[in-house]
Amino acid sequence: MRWMIPFLAIASMTVAGCRGVTVTKTAKGYFEPTRADDIQILMTRPDKPYEELATVSTNRWAPGSDASMHNALRAKCAPIGANAVLITSSGVDRGFAWTSGVAIRYK
């Protein structure tokens, strides 16, 4: 029975550790960081001109936890100066939600 405690601790860290946001910068240059609270989450392309700053992806979220996932995207994209995250695809795979898109900055 003692062996179950470390096993359960490692199993929970493995699942929790896989959930996160990956941001890969694609733009040249540097932009001042923005406030995470000001970053928009978009499902359609905005009408105003913008520049793509980075590709973003996240996975291993419980279905229905969109607000938490969106807040994690905002927090990771604020330091690179994003004004919005444009979600290009999302879905559920093996019981976990995933999302990918681009971080953008308005011109």
N, C-alpha and C. Protein backbone atom coordinates (compact mmCIF):
# COMPACT_ATOMS: atom_id res chain seq x y z
N MET A 1 0.81 -1.19 0.00
CA MET A 1 0.00 0.00 0.00
C MET A 1 0.86 1.26 0.00
N ARG A 2 2.04 1.20 0.60
CA ARG A 2 2.92 2.37 0.64
C ARG A 2 3.39 2.78 -0.74
N TRP A 3 3.55 1.83 -1.61
CA TRP A 3 4.06 2.13 -2.96
C TRP A 3 3.07 2.96 -3.76
N MET A 4 1.80 2.95 -3.38
CA MET A 4 0.78 3.69 -4.14
C MET A 4 0.92 5.20 -4.00
N ILE A 5 1.39 5.68 -2.85
CA ILE A 5 1.50 7.13 -2.64
C ILE A 5 2.50 7.75 -3.61
N PRO A 6 3.73 7.25 -3.70
CA PRO A 6 4.65 7.83 -4.69
C PRO A 6 4.15 7.64 -6.13
N PHE A 7 3.55 6.49 -6.40
CA PHE A 7 3.03 6.24 -7.74
C PHE A 7 1.97 7.26 -8.12
N LEU A 8 1.03 7.52 -7.22
CA LEU A 8 -0.03 8.49 -7.48
C LEU A 8 0.53 9.90 -7.62
N ALA A 9 1.53 10.24 -6.82
CA ALA A 9 2.15 11.57 -6.92
C ALA A 9 2.83 11.75 -8.28
N ILE A 10 3.55 10.74 -8.74
CA ILE A 10 4.22 10.82 -10.04
C ILE A 10 3.20 10.86 -11.17
N ALA A 11 2.16 10.06 -11.06
CA ALA A 11 1.12 10.04 -12.09
C ALA A 11 0.43 11.40 -12.19
N SER A 12 0.13 12.03 -11.07
CA SER A 12 -0.55 13.34 -11.13
C SER A 12 0.39 14.41 -11.67
N MET A 13 1.68 14.36 -11.36
CA MET A 13 2.63 15.33 -11.91
C MET A 13 2.79 15.14 -13.41
N THR A 14 2.74 13.90 -13.88
CA THR A 14 2.88 13.64 -15.30
C THR A 14 1.72 14.23 -16.07
N VAL A 15 0.51 14.03 -15.60
CA VAL A 15 -0.67 14.57 -16.28
C VAL A 15 -0.66 16.09 -16.21
N ALA A 16 -0.41 16.66 -15.03
CA ALA A 16 -0.42 18.11 -14.88
C ALA A 16 0.74 18.74 -15.64
N GLY A 17 1.87 18.07 -15.70
CA GLY A 17 3.03 18.63 -16.36
C GLY A 17 2.89 18.72 -17.86
N CYS A 18 2.03 17.92 -18.46
CA CYS A 18 1.85 17.93 -19.90
C CYS A 18 0.99 19.09 -20.37
N ARG A 19 0.18 19.63 -19.47
CA ARG A 19 -0.71 20.71 -19.83
C ARG A 19 0.07 22.01 -19.80
N GLY A 20 0.06 22.73 -20.88
CA GLY A 20 0.77 23.99 -20.93
C GLY A 20 0.59 24.66 -22.27
N VAL A 21 1.26 25.78 -22.41
CA VAL A 21 1.19 26.57 -23.62
C VAL A 21 2.58 26.67 -24.21
N THR A 22 2.67 26.42 -25.51
CA THR A 22 3.93 26.57 -26.23
C THR A 22 3.81 27.78 -27.15
N VAL A 23 4.75 28.70 -27.04
CA VAL A 23 4.78 29.90 -27.89
C VAL A 23 6.10 29.89 -28.65
N THR A 24 6.01 29.92 -29.98
CA THR A 24 7.21 29.95 -30.81
C THR A 24 7.22 31.25 -31.59
N LYS A 25 8.12 32.15 -31.23
CA LYS A 25 8.18 33.47 -31.87
C LYS A 25 8.53 33.33 -33.34
N THR A 26 7.78 34.03 -34.19
CA THR A 26 8.02 33.98 -35.64
C THR A 26 8.35 35.35 -36.22
N ALA A 27 8.10 36.41 -35.48
CA ALA A 27 8.35 37.78 -35.97
C ALA A 27 9.75 38.23 -35.59
N LYS A 28 10.25 39.17 -36.39
CA LYS A 28 11.53 39.79 -36.06
C LYS A 28 11.28 40.96 -35.12
N GLY A 29 12.27 41.32 -34.37
CA GLY A 29 12.17 42.50 -33.53
C GLY A 29 11.61 42.25 -32.15
N TYR A 30 11.44 43.36 -31.44
CA TYR A 30 10.97 43.33 -30.06
C TYR A 30 9.80 44.28 -29.90
N PHE A 31 8.81 43.87 -29.14
CA PHE A 31 7.67 44.72 -28.82
C PHE A 31 7.53 44.78 -27.30
N GLU A 32 7.07 45.91 -26.82
CA GLU A 32 6.83 46.06 -25.39
C GLU A 32 5.78 45.04 -24.94
N PRO A 33 5.95 44.44 -23.79
CA PRO A 33 4.94 43.50 -23.27
C PRO A 33 3.59 44.19 -23.10
N THR A 34 2.54 43.41 -23.25
CA THR A 34 1.18 43.92 -23.04
C THR A 34 0.63 43.30 -21.76
N ARG A 35 -0.50 43.83 -21.31
CA ARG A 35 -1.16 43.26 -20.14
C ARG A 35 -1.98 42.05 -20.58
N ALA A 36 -1.84 40.96 -19.88
CA ALA A 36 -2.57 39.73 -20.23
C ALA A 36 -4.08 39.98 -20.24
N ASP A 37 -4.56 40.84 -19.35
CA ASP A 37 -6.00 41.13 -19.27
C ASP A 37 -6.53 41.82 -20.53
N ASP A 38 -5.65 42.47 -21.29
CA ASP A 38 -6.06 43.21 -22.48
C ASP A 38 -6.01 42.38 -23.76
N ILE A 39 -5.49 41.17 -23.70
CA ILE A 39 -5.34 40.34 -24.89
C ILE A 39 -6.68 39.70 -25.25
N GLN A 40 -7.08 39.88 -26.50
CA GLN A 40 -8.32 39.29 -27.00
C GLN A 40 -8.09 37.86 -27.44
N ILE A 41 -9.11 37.03 -27.31
CA ILE A 41 -9.11 35.68 -27.88
C ILE A 41 -10.08 35.73 -29.05
N LEU A 42 -9.58 35.49 -30.26
CA LEU A 42 -10.39 35.60 -31.47
C LEU A 42 -10.55 34.25 -32.15
N MET A 43 -11.71 34.05 -32.74
CA MET A 43 -11.96 32.84 -33.52
C MET A 43 -12.03 33.17 -35.02
N THR A 44 -12.11 34.45 -35.36
CA THR A 44 -12.13 34.89 -36.75
C THR A 44 -11.08 35.98 -36.92
N ARG A 45 -10.59 36.10 -38.15
CA ARG A 45 -9.56 37.11 -38.44
C ARG A 45 -10.12 38.52 -38.24
N PRO A 46 -9.34 39.37 -37.58
CA PRO A 46 -9.81 40.74 -37.37
C PRO A 46 -9.78 41.54 -38.68
N ASP A 47 -10.62 42.58 -38.75
CA ASP A 47 -10.67 43.43 -39.93
C ASP A 47 -9.48 44.38 -40.02
N LYS A 48 -8.94 44.78 -38.88
CA LYS A 48 -7.82 45.72 -38.91
C LYS A 48 -6.50 45.00 -39.18
N PRO A 49 -5.53 45.73 -39.74
CA PRO A 49 -4.24 45.11 -40.07
C PRO A 49 -3.50 44.64 -38.81
N TYR A 50 -2.79 43.53 -38.96
CA TYR A 50 -2.04 42.97 -37.83
C TYR A 50 -0.78 42.29 -38.34
N GLU A 51 0.10 42.01 -37.39
CA GLU A 51 1.34 41.28 -37.67
C GLU A 51 1.34 40.03 -36.81
N GLU A 52 1.73 38.91 -37.39
CA GLU A 52 1.84 37.67 -36.63
C GLU A 52 3.14 37.69 -35.83
N LEU A 53 3.04 37.44 -34.54
CA LEU A 53 4.22 37.44 -33.68
C LEU A 53 4.74 36.04 -33.38
N ALA A 54 3.82 35.08 -33.23
CA ALA A 54 4.24 33.73 -32.82
C ALA A 54 3.13 32.73 -33.09
N THR A 55 3.53 31.48 -33.21
CA THR A 55 2.56 30.40 -33.23
C THR A 55 2.36 29.96 -31.78
N VAL A 56 1.15 29.54 -31.46
CA VAL A 56 0.85 29.10 -30.10
C VAL A 56 0.10 27.78 -30.15
N SER A 57 0.32 26.96 -29.15
CA SER A 57 -0.43 25.71 -29.05
C SER A 57 -0.53 25.31 -27.58
N THR A 58 -1.57 24.60 -27.28
CA THR A 58 -1.78 24.11 -25.92
C THR A 58 -2.56 22.80 -26.00
N ASN A 59 -2.36 21.94 -25.03
CA ASN A 59 -3.07 20.66 -25.03
C ASN A 59 -3.23 20.14 -23.61
N ARG A 60 -3.92 19.01 -23.51
CA ARG A 60 -4.14 18.32 -22.23
C ARG A 60 -5.02 19.11 -21.27
N TRP A 61 -6.03 19.81 -21.79
CA TRP A 61 -6.99 20.52 -20.95
C TRP A 61 -8.28 19.71 -20.86
N ALA A 62 -8.93 19.79 -19.74
CA ALA A 62 -10.23 19.13 -19.59
C ALA A 62 -11.23 19.83 -20.50
N PRO A 63 -12.04 19.08 -21.23
CA PRO A 63 -13.07 19.72 -22.05
C PRO A 63 -13.96 20.61 -21.17
N GLY A 64 -14.27 21.79 -21.68
CA GLY A 64 -15.08 22.73 -20.92
C GLY A 64 -14.27 23.71 -20.09
N SER A 65 -12.95 23.58 -20.10
CA SER A 65 -12.11 24.51 -19.33
C SER A 65 -11.55 25.60 -20.24
N ASP A 66 -12.39 26.09 -21.15
CA ASP A 66 -11.94 27.09 -22.12
C ASP A 66 -11.42 28.35 -21.46
N ALA A 67 -12.08 28.83 -20.41
CA ALA A 67 -11.65 30.07 -19.76
C ALA A 67 -10.23 29.93 -19.20
N SER A 68 -9.94 28.81 -18.57
CA SER A 68 -8.59 28.58 -18.03
C SER A 68 -7.57 28.49 -19.15
N MET A 69 -7.93 27.81 -20.23
CA MET A 69 -7.03 27.68 -21.37
C MET A 69 -6.77 29.04 -21.99
N HIS A 70 -7.80 29.85 -22.17
CA HIS A 70 -7.64 31.18 -22.75
C HIS A 70 -6.79 32.08 -21.87
N ASN A 71 -6.97 31.99 -20.56
CA ASN A 71 -6.14 32.78 -19.65
C ASN A 71 -4.68 32.36 -19.70
N ALA A 72 -4.43 31.07 -19.87
CA ALA A 72 -3.05 30.59 -20.00
C ALA A 72 -2.43 31.11 -21.31
N LEU A 73 -3.20 31.13 -22.39
CA LEU A 73 -2.71 31.70 -23.65
C LEU A 73 -2.39 33.18 -23.48
N ARG A 74 -3.27 33.91 -22.83
CA ARG A 74 -3.03 35.34 -22.60
C ARG A 74 -1.74 35.56 -21.81
N ALA A 75 -1.56 34.80 -20.74
CA ALA A 75 -0.38 34.96 -19.89
C ALA A 75 0.92 34.69 -20.64
N LYS A 76 0.91 33.71 -21.53
CA LYS A 76 2.13 33.37 -22.27
C LYS A 76 2.40 34.32 -23.44
N CYS A 77 1.36 34.97 -23.97
CA CYS A 77 1.53 35.85 -25.13
C CYS A 77 1.75 37.30 -24.74
N ALA A 78 1.44 37.69 -23.53
CA ALA A 78 1.64 39.07 -23.08
C ALA A 78 3.12 39.50 -23.13
N PRO A 79 4.07 38.67 -22.70
CA PRO A 79 5.47 39.11 -22.70
C PRO A 79 6.03 39.42 -24.10
N ILE A 80 5.44 38.86 -25.15
CA ILE A 80 5.97 39.14 -26.49
C ILE A 80 5.25 40.31 -27.16
N GLY A 81 4.30 40.93 -26.45
CA GLY A 81 3.63 42.12 -26.97
C GLY A 81 2.38 41.86 -27.78
N ALA A 82 1.75 40.73 -27.61
CA ALA A 82 0.54 40.40 -28.39
C ALA A 82 -0.65 41.24 -27.94
N ASN A 83 -1.50 41.57 -28.91
CA ASN A 83 -2.78 42.22 -28.62
C ASN A 83 -3.92 41.21 -28.65
N ALA A 84 -3.70 40.08 -29.34
CA ALA A 84 -4.75 39.07 -29.48
C ALA A 84 -4.13 37.72 -29.80
N VAL A 85 -4.91 36.69 -29.56
CA VAL A 85 -4.56 35.33 -29.99
C VAL A 85 -5.67 34.90 -30.94
N LEU A 86 -5.29 34.57 -32.16
CA LEU A 86 -6.23 34.11 -33.17
C LEU A 86 -6.19 32.59 -33.18
N ILE A 87 -7.26 31.97 -32.72
CA ILE A 87 -7.33 30.50 -32.67
C ILE A 87 -7.68 29.99 -34.06
N THR A 88 -6.81 29.16 -34.61
CA THR A 88 -7.02 28.65 -35.96
C THR A 88 -7.59 27.24 -35.97
N SER A 89 -7.36 26.47 -34.91
CA SER A 89 -7.94 25.13 -34.83
C SER A 89 -7.98 24.70 -33.37
N SER A 90 -8.96 23.84 -33.08
CA SER A 90 -9.09 23.30 -31.73
C SER A 90 -9.91 22.03 -31.80
N GLY A 91 -9.84 21.25 -30.75
CA GLY A 91 -10.59 20.01 -30.74
C GLY A 91 -10.38 19.25 -29.45
N VAL A 92 -10.85 18.02 -29.45
CA VAL A 92 -10.69 17.13 -28.30
C VAL A 92 -10.08 15.83 -28.82
N ASP A 93 -9.02 15.38 -28.17
CA ASP A 93 -8.33 14.15 -28.55
C ASP A 93 -8.10 13.32 -27.29
N ARG A 94 -8.59 12.10 -27.29
CA ARG A 94 -8.43 11.18 -26.16
C ARG A 94 -8.93 11.79 -24.86
N GLY A 95 -10.00 12.56 -24.95
CA GLY A 95 -10.60 13.13 -23.75
C GLY A 95 -10.01 14.45 -23.29
N PHE A 96 -9.04 14.99 -24.01
CA PHE A 96 -8.42 16.25 -23.63
C PHE A 96 -8.58 17.28 -24.74
N ALA A 97 -8.83 18.53 -24.35
CA ALA A 97 -8.97 19.62 -25.32
C ALA A 97 -7.59 20.15 -25.73
N TRP A 98 -7.48 20.60 -26.98
CA TRP A 98 -6.26 21.21 -27.48
C TRP A 98 -6.65 22.41 -28.35
N THR A 99 -5.71 23.32 -28.53
CA THR A 99 -5.93 24.51 -29.34
C THR A 99 -4.62 24.93 -29.97
N SER A 100 -4.68 25.45 -31.19
CA SER A 100 -3.50 26.06 -31.80
C SER A 100 -3.93 27.33 -32.53
N GLY A 101 -2.98 28.22 -32.70
CA GLY A 101 -3.28 29.48 -33.36
C GLY A 101 -2.05 30.35 -33.46
N VAL A 102 -2.29 31.67 -33.57
CA VAL A 102 -1.18 32.63 -33.69
C VAL A 102 -1.43 33.80 -32.75
N ALA A 103 -0.33 34.30 -32.19
CA ALA A 103 -0.37 35.54 -31.41
C ALA A 103 -0.16 36.68 -32.40
N ILE A 104 -0.99 37.72 -32.30
CA ILE A 104 -0.90 38.83 -33.25
C ILE A 104 -0.79 40.16 -32.52
N ARG A 105 -0.28 41.16 -33.27
CA ARG A 105 -0.19 42.53 -32.77
C ARG A 105 -0.77 43.43 -33.84
N TYR A 106 -1.67 44.31 -33.42
CA TYR A 106 -2.28 45.23 -34.38
C TYR A 106 -1.27 46.27 -34.83
N LYS A 107 -1.35 46.65 -36.11
CA LYS A 107 -0.45 47.66 -36.66
C LYS A 107 -0.98 49.04 -36.39
